[in-house]
């Protein structure tokens, strides 16, 4: 396996902030490498250095002559009228007809090639960007947060593609499940160091813990030896008969190994204040059409949200998840039908653009205190700020100078401190690192109030959402199963019959109005779902029985061949023995 690139003694800093110093690693052909680390550690900067957009302060990057880098950035802009085919044709080494063949595997139909890129949903734009990248025929892809804002179906398409990708890639992602399924190495960017680990994300955590345990044990052993030497010197150093021995032992301290145990990354602990009391029924929609003006997104919605419910809302991008959340949060009214929600019920609503409502002249902590419940103490607000990665003087920074991700974290802290009986959270994990997502997950699992979430983080939805609401093809229905069953259905193609209708947003408006698509719904009851699963189980059992039968036949044939080989070998040895006897007698 040949080497594609190496970073040797690399250092990079911005002012007084050092991202990494004297760092080094190597990437080989065919390696699938997940790049992880806290927000602001320098992951995206590292990608820009590897692609030549930024320079190292010190060090060198050694590149193979065969290296061809393809970079999938977080954000791209397209001319309003640029078609998919025109976009893919520029700087393309692969013939367009070949790209169209590859597009089928990414779920891009040939009809979409004539559409403007800007008219597509975020999920299909990401697929086009990936196809554009493949057209440049790289042998090392750099993917920076490719799953941000992707719906689950597109994430699964991308996941399947990367699993079978023959080239190498570096992948920045905060989605644990995505990293776990697509990578075989982990590159950690943390506290000024870059460390490469073999194995996937689970192996990384295991190795990290093992290394830490070994270092702690070694450090403890050295400390005990040093304490023993110092104790001997203190006891016998003044005695003439022992003075020379004491001095010798003191000198041995200088030769002893020094182990520096770096402090572990701060593990966030989020405590959501106990919610206010609420009635059994939080909100109810009856035959409600949801949308904007005359444009209806969801039709005839019937839904009840009860006290203590934890709903995960799933569906394709553009299906209407955010619209549904806005109605529940009382941020907009239904176009038609009834919506019941007591105005006295406190609802905390985290929208994707909620950070725009922060006071730019207030500091981090001032913004959090401004919206916190009157019973929440300043210390609780400080604890929340710390848990959301604002420590030390960071809490006194003006919001006007914060990054977009930092503003989103301030807004999330505001909402969690309101002691709301109901929390409605639209993509709350987008700007959080591993540790903070884990802390938020545990906090919301323990939350006694009502919760409705939308998130593309599968581990987050799986653990927090005890009920699943599926929004698809203009309908909102409680899914008759768990989140794992929903993902399984999507992976196994049980939803494929609905994809034509679900991608109606990718087609011209007149096609939708003409009813060009129809779909057969999924089983709507647990009983129907159970029958479907039992049928598939029986099919699997029959296939397994057939394989066992074939295996028995093959084993019998193998036994026969082994016997035949043994007989031939025996006869050959006998003939050799006879020939040896003949030559020896002659």
Foldseek 3Di string as FASTA:
>chain_A
DDWFKKWAQFWDADVPGTLAGREMDTDHWQAEEEEAEFPPSCPVVVVCCVVVVDHTPDTDMDGDPQFDEFEADPDDDDDQQQFLLNLLPPLFPDDSVVLQVVLVLQVDHPVRRNPGLVLADPLVVLSSSVSSSVRNVGLEYEAEASCVPFAQLNLLSVLVCLQPDRGYYYYYHQQQVSQQSRGQKYWYRYDNYTDIGGGTPVVVVVVVVVVLVVLVVVQVVLVVLVVVLVVVCVVCCPPPVCVVVNVVSVVVNVVDDDRDDDDDPDQFAAAQPAADDDAQWAKWFAQFFFDDDPDTLAGGATDTFGWQAQEEEHEGPPSCPLRVLCCSQVVDHTPDGDMDHDPPAFEQEQDPPQLVPFDQAAFLLRSLVVQAAPVDDSVSSVSLCVSLPQDDCNRRDGNNPDDPLNSLSSSVSSRSRHSGLEYEEEASCSSGHNSSLVNVLVNLLPHRHHYYYYHNRLVSCQRNHPWYWYRALNHIATAADGSVVVSVCSSVVVCVQRVVSRSCSSDDPVCVVVVVHDGDDDDRHNVSVVVVVVVVVVVVVVVVVVVVVVVVVVVVVVVVVVVVVVVVVVVVVVVVVVVVVVVVVD
